[in-house]
Structure formats: structure tokens, C-alpha cells
PDB file of N, CA and C in Angstrom:
ATOM      1  N   MET A   1      60.968 213.680  70.629  1.00  0.00           N
ATOM      2  CA  MET A   1      59.705 214.350  70.842  1.00  0.00           C
ATOM      3  C   MET A   1      59.713 214.950  72.239  1.00  0.00           C
ATOM      4  N   THR A   2      59.334 216.210  72.328  1.00  0.00           N
ATOM      5  CA  THR A   2      59.242 216.851  73.634  1.00  0.00           C
ATOM      6  C   THR A   2      57.926 217.587  73.746  1.00  0.00           C
ATOM      7  N   ALA A   3      57.451 217.739  74.937  1.00  0.00           N
ATOM      8  CA  ALA A   3      56.214 218.482  75.179  1.00  0.00           C
ATOM      9  C   ALA A   3      56.426 219.367  76.388  1.00  0.00           C
ATOM     10  N   THR A   4      55.814 220.532  76.359  1.00  0.00           N
ATOM     11  CA  THR A   4      55.907 221.412  77.520  1.00  0.00           C
ATOM     12  C   THR A   4      54.737 221.116  78.447  1.00  0.00           C
ATOM     13  N   ASN A   5      54.972 221.204  79.721  1.00  0.00           N
ATOM     14  CA  ASN A   5      53.906 220.990  80.698  1.00  0.00           C
ATOM     15  C   ASN A   5      52.997 222.205  80.751  1.00  0.00           C
ATOM     16  N   ARG A   6      51.733 221.973  81.077  1.00  0.00           N
ATOM     17  CA  ARG A   6      50.785 223.083  81.212  1.00  0.00           C
ATOM     18  C   ARG A   6      51.202 223.944  82.383  1.00  0.00           C
ATOM     19  N   ASN A   7      51.246 225.218  82.136  1.00  0.00           N
ATOM     20  CA  ASN A   7      51.690 226.158  83.148  1.00  0.00           C
ATOM     21  C   ASN A   7      50.723 227.335  83.140  1.00  0.00           C
ATOM     22  N   PRO A   8      49.947 227.527  84.198  1.00  0.00           N
ATOM     23  CA  PRO A   8      48.900 228.560  84.187  1.00  0.00           C
ATOM     24  C   PRO A   8      49.396 229.957  83.860  1.00  0.00           C
ATOM     25  N   GLU A   9      50.613 230.308  84.258  1.00  0.00           N
ATOM     26  CA  GLU A   9      51.067 231.669  83.980  1.00  0.00           C
ATOM     27  C   GLU A   9      51.464 231.869  82.525  1.00  0.00           C
ATOM     28  N   LEU A  10      51.484 230.810  81.726  1.00  0.00           N
ATOM     29  CA  LEU A  10      51.814 230.951  80.313  1.00  0.00           C
ATOM     30  C   LEU A  10      50.588 231.269  79.462  1.00  0.00           C
ATOM     31  N   GLN A  11      49.441 231.552  80.064  1.00  0.00           N
ATOM     32  CA  GLN A  11      48.226 231.740  79.300  1.00  0.00           C
ATOM     33  C   GLN A  11      48.096 233.118  78.652  1.00  0.00           C
ATOM     34  N   ASP A  12      48.960 234.071  78.967  1.00  0.00           N
ATOM     35  CA  ASP A  12      48.857 235.325  78.240  1.00  0.00           C
ATOM     36  C   ASP A  12      49.505 235.151  76.864  1.00  0.00           C
ATOM     37  N   GLU A  13      48.973 235.846  75.885  1.00  0.00           N
ATOM     38  CA  GLU A  13      49.355 235.643  74.489  1.00  0.00           C
ATOM     39  C   GLU A  13      50.848 235.806  74.241  1.00  0.00           C
ATOM     40  N   ALA A  14      51.469 236.812  74.824  1.00  0.00           N
ATOM     41  CA  ALA A  14      52.899 237.054  74.608  1.00  0.00           C
ATOM     42  C   ALA A  14      53.734 235.880  75.112  1.00  0.00           C
ATOM     43  N   SER A  15      53.379 235.330  76.264  1.00  0.00           N
ATOM     44  CA  SER A  15      54.135 234.194  76.813  1.00  0.00           C
ATOM     45  C   SER A  15      53.970 232.950  75.953  1.00  0.00           C
ATOM     46  N   ILE A  16      52.764 232.733  75.455  1.00  0.00           N
ATOM     47  CA  ILE A  16      52.528 231.580  74.585  1.00  0.00           C
ATOM     48  C   ILE A  16      53.343 231.721  73.303  1.00  0.00           C
ATOM     49  N   LEU A  17      53.349 232.908  72.723  1.00  0.00           N
ATOM     50  CA  LEU A  17      54.120 233.129  71.501  1.00  0.00           C
ATOM     51  C   LEU A  17      55.613 232.972  71.744  1.00  0.00           C
ATOM     52  N   ARG A  18      56.106 233.411  72.888  1.00  0.00           N
ATOM     53  CA  ARG A  18      57.531 233.214  73.229  1.00  0.00           C
ATOM     54  C   ARG A  18      57.854 231.728  73.327  1.00  0.00           C
ATOM     55  N   GLU A  19      56.962 230.964  73.946  1.00  0.00           N
ATOM     56  CA  GLU A  19      57.184 229.520  74.088  1.00  0.00           C
ATOM     57  C   GLU A  19      57.167 228.830  72.723  1.00  0.00           C
ATOM     58  N   ILE A  20      56.251 229.219  71.857  1.00  0.00           N
ATOM     59  CA  ILE A  20      56.217 228.650  70.504  1.00  0.00           C
ATOM     60  C   ILE A  20      57.502 228.994  69.761  1.00  0.00           C
ATOM     61  N   HIS A  21      57.953 230.223  69.882  1.00  0.00           N
ATOM     62  CA  HIS A  21      59.211 230.639  69.241  1.00  0.00           C
ATOM     63  C   HIS A  21      60.385 229.821  69.776  1.00  0.00           C
ATOM     64  N   ARG A  22      60.409 229.585  71.080  1.00  0.00           N
ATOM     65  CA  ARG A  22      61.486 228.792  71.684  1.00  0.00           C
ATOM     66  C   ARG A  22      61.479 227.371  71.138  1.00  0.00           C
ATOM     67  N   VAL A  23      60.295 226.793  71.027  1.00  0.00           N
ATOM     68  CA  VAL A  23      60.178 225.419  70.534  1.00  0.00           C
ATOM     69  C   VAL A  23      60.591 225.330  69.061  1.00  0.00           C
ATOM     70  N   LEU A  24      60.289 226.373  68.289  1.00  0.00           N
ATOM     71  CA  LEU A  24      60.636 226.366  66.867  1.00  0.00           C
ATOM     72  C   LEU A  24      62.115 226.625  66.604  1.00  0.00           C
ATOM     73  N   SER A  25      62.782 227.314  67.515  1.00  0.00           N
ATOM     74  CA  SER A  25      64.173 227.690  67.260  1.00  0.00           C
ATOM     75  C   SER A  25      65.044 226.448  67.107  1.00  0.00           C
ATOM     76  N   GLY A  26      65.800 226.437  66.047  1.00  0.00           N
ATOM     77  CA  GLY A  26      66.706 225.332  65.769  1.00  0.00           C
ATOM     78  C   GLY A  26      66.057 224.133  65.102  1.00  0.00           C
ATOM     79  N   LEU A  27      64.760 224.143  64.908  1.00  0.00           N
ATOM     80  CA  LEU A  27      64.069 223.020  64.270  1.00  0.00           C
ATOM     81  C   LEU A  27      64.285 223.107  62.764  1.00  0.00           C
ATOM     82  N   LYS A  28      64.903 222.071  62.181  1.00  0.00           N
ATOM     83  CA  LYS A  28      65.153 222.063  60.736  1.00  0.00           C
ATOM     84  C   LYS A  28      64.150 221.187  60.009  1.00  0.00           C
ATOM     85  N   PHE A  29      63.849 220.017  60.547  1.00  0.00           N
ATOM     86  CA  PHE A  29      62.877 219.102  59.959  1.00  0.00           C
ATOM     87  C   PHE A  29      61.993 218.589  61.080  1.00  0.00           C
ATOM     88  N   GLY A  30      60.694 218.705  60.947  1.00  0.00           N
ATOM     89  CA  GLY A  30      59.797 218.196  61.968  1.00  0.00           C
ATOM     90  C   GLY A  30      58.512 218.982  62.021  1.00  0.00           C
ATOM     91  N   SER A  31      57.877 218.969  63.177  1.00  0.00           N
ATOM     92  CA  SER A  31      56.596 219.653  63.317  1.00  0.00           C
ATOM     93  C   SER A  31      56.406 220.122  64.752  1.00  0.00           C
ATOM     94  N   VAL A  32      55.526 221.105  64.902  1.00  0.00           N
ATOM     95  CA  VAL A  32      55.127 221.600  66.214  1.00  0.00           C
ATOM     96  C   VAL A  32      53.610 221.498  66.269  1.00  0.00           C
ATOM     97  N   GLU A  33      53.104 220.848  67.313  1.00  0.00           N
ATOM     98  CA  GLU A  33      51.659 220.688  67.487  1.00  0.00           C
ATOM     99  C   GLU A  33      51.228 221.456  68.728  1.00  0.00           C
ATOM    100  N   ILE A  34      50.206 222.282  68.567  1.00  0.00           N
ATOM    101  CA  ILE A  34      49.675 223.071  69.670  1.00  0.00           C
ATOM    102  C   ILE A  34      48.293 222.526  70.003  1.00  0.00           C
ATOM    103  N   THR A  35      48.110 222.081  71.247  1.00  0.00           N
ATOM    104  CA  THR A  35      46.843 221.514  71.683  1.00  0.00           C
ATOM    105  C   THR A  35      46.077 222.552  72.482  1.00  0.00           C
ATOM    106  N   VAL A  36      44.805 222.744  72.125  1.00  0.00           N
ATOM    107  CA  VAL A  36      43.955 223.741  72.765  1.00  0.00           C
ATOM    108  C   VAL A  36      42.726 223.047  73.342  1.00  0.00           C
ATOM    109  N   HIS A  37      42.384 223.346  74.581  1.00  0.00           N
ATOM    110  CA  HIS A  37      41.173 222.859  75.237  1.00  0.00           C
ATOM    111  C   HIS A  37      40.434 224.057  75.808  1.00  0.00           C
ATOM    112  N   ASN A  38      39.161 224.166  75.471  1.00  0.00           N
ATOM    113  CA  ASN A  38      38.328 225.266  75.967  1.00  0.00           C
ATOM    114  C   ASN A  38      38.971 226.635  75.741  1.00  0.00           C
ATOM    115  N   GLY A  39      39.587 226.808  74.579  1.00  0.00           N
ATOM    116  CA  GLY A  39      40.166 228.097  74.234  1.00  0.00           C
ATOM    117  C   GLY A  39      41.503 228.404  74.875  1.00  0.00           C
ATOM    118  N   GLU A  40      42.096 227.445  75.583  1.00  0.00           N
ATOM    119  CA  GLU A  40      43.395 227.658  76.222  1.00  0.00           C
ATOM    120  C   GLU A  40      44.422 226.686  75.660  1.00  0.00           C
ATOM    121  N   VAL A  41      45.632 227.185  75.429  1.00  0.00           N
ATOM    122  CA  VAL A  41      46.727 226.316  75.013  1.00  0.00           C
ATOM    123  C   VAL A  41      47.115 225.461  76.210  1.00  0.00           C
ATOM    124  N   VAL A  42      47.060 224.140  76.045  1.00  0.00           N
ATOM    125  CA  VAL A  42      47.385 223.250  77.158  1.00  0.00           C
ATOM    126  C   VAL A  42      48.652 222.445  76.905  1.00  0.00           C
ATOM    127  N   GLN A  43      49.108 222.407  75.640  1.00  0.00           N
ATOM    128  CA  GLN A  43      50.310 221.619  75.351  1.00  0.00           C
ATOM    129  C   GLN A  43      50.931 222.100  74.054  1.00  0.00           C
ATOM    130  N   ILE A  44      52.248 222.127  74.037  1.00  0.00           N
ATOM    131  CA  ILE A  44      53.006 222.412  72.823  1.00  0.00           C
ATOM    132  C   ILE A  44      53.975 221.255  72.659  1.00  0.00           C
ATOM    133  N   GLU A  45      53.868 220.559  71.530  1.00  0.00           N
ATOM    134  CA  GLU A  45      54.674 219.364  71.310  1.00  0.00           C
ATOM    135  C   GLU A  45      55.568 219.563  70.087  1.00  0.00           C
ATOM    136  N   ARG A  46      56.821 219.189  70.230  1.00  0.00           N
ATOM    137  CA  ARG A  46      57.800 219.309  69.150  1.00  0.00           C
ATOM    138  C   ARG A  46      58.243 217.914  68.732  1.00  0.00           C
ATOM    139  N   LYS A  47      58.125 217.630  67.446  1.00  0.00           N
ATOM    140  CA  LYS A  47      58.617 216.373  66.880  1.00  0.00           C
ATOM    141  C   LYS A  47      59.720 216.746  65.902  1.00  0.00           C
ATOM    142  N   GLU A  48      60.900 216.207  66.136  1.00  0.00           N
ATOM    143  CA  GLU A  48      62.047 216.567  65.308  1.00  0.00           C
ATOM    144  C   GLU A  48      62.559 215.347  64.574  1.00  0.00           C
ATOM    145  N   LYS A  49      62.874 215.538  63.302  1.00  0.00           N
ATOM    146  CA  LYS A  49      63.437 214.474  62.486  1.00  0.00           C
ATOM    147  C   LYS A  49      64.880 214.831  62.167  1.00  0.00           C
ATOM    148  N   PHE A  50      65.713 213.844  62.202  1.00  0.00           N
ATOM    149  CA  PHE A  50      67.115 214.036  61.855  1.00  0.00           C
ATOM    150  C   PHE A  50      67.363 213.324  60.533  1.00  0.00           C
ATOM    151  N   ARG A  51      67.745 214.081  59.523  1.00  0.00           N
ATOM    152  CA  ARG A  51      68.006 213.529  58.201  1.00  0.00           C
ATOM    153  C   ARG A  51      69.472 213.133  58.130  1.00  0.00           C
ATOM    154  N   LEU A  52      69.699 211.878  57.779  1.00  0.00           N
ATOM    155  CA  LEU A  52      71.059 211.371  57.642  1.00  0.00           C
ATOM    156  C   LEU A  52      71.477 211.439  56.179  1.00  0.00           C
ATOM    157  N   PRO A  53      72.748 211.693  55.928  1.00  0.00           N
ATOM    158  CA  PRO A  53      73.200 211.719  54.530  1.00  0.00           C
ATOM    159  C   PRO A  53      73.119 210.307  53.948  1.00  0.00           C
ATOM    160  N   PRO A  54      72.902 210.198  52.622  1.00  0.00           N
ATOM    161  CA  PRO A  54      72.833 208.877  52.019  1.00  0.00           C
ATOM    162  C   PRO A  54      74.164 208.149  52.157  1.00  0.00           C
ATOM    163  N   SER A  55      74.081 206.857  52.362  1.00  0.00           N
ATOM    164  CA  SER A  55      75.328 206.076  52.474  1.00  0.00           C
ATOM    165  C   SER A  55      75.839 205.756  51.075  1.00  0.00           C
ATOM    166  N   ASN A  56      77.133 205.584  50.957  1.00  0.00           N
ATOM    167  CA  ASN A  56      77.773 205.272  49.688  1.00  0.00           C
ATOM    168  C   ASN A  56      78.250 203.825  49.690  1.00  0.00           C
ATOM    169  N   LYS A  57      77.332 202.881  49.880  1.00  0.00           N
ATOM    170  CA  LYS A  57      77.690 201.464  49.981  1.00  0.00           C
ATOM    171  C   LYS A  57      78.199 200.892  48.668  1.00  0.00           C
ATOM    172  N   ASN A  58      77.781 201.445  47.545  1.00  0.00           N
ATOM    173  CA  ASN A  58      78.130 200.887  46.232  1.00  0.00           C
ATOM    174  C   ASN A  58      79.424 201.445  45.657  1.00  0.00           C
ATOM    175  N   THR A  59      80.179 202.206  46.411  1.00  0.00           N
ATOM    176  CA  THR A  59      81.427 202.768  45.872  1.00  0.00           C
ATOM    177  C   THR A  59      82.619 202.166  46.518  1.00  0.00           C
TER     178      THR A  59
END
């Protein structure tokens, strides 16, 4: 799990969208949570899951 720190210069829409795109890149399984306070994005959190192949214990 990672979160980006609040950065005042990231408040313009293009910068926020670039940051969301960066957080999403390479994510195969998981979620992205965007936290908003008073109409401003204050946190972007990425939760990533790693899927392991099934084990073949019975063979």
C-alpha cells in the first residue's frame, strides 16, 4: 500500500490526473482510493494485490 503526500502544486486538474495515471500504471489487481476534503484532492492511495499461482501439492 502506498499513498502520495499532499502537495499544494498538484491541485491543478492536469497534475492530479497525471498523478492518478502514474499510480494506476502497472496495477493489475488492486484499487486506487482518492480522498477529497473541501473539494481538494488530499490523498491518492494505491492498494495492490499479488495473485500467486495455485500450488500443485496433490501431484
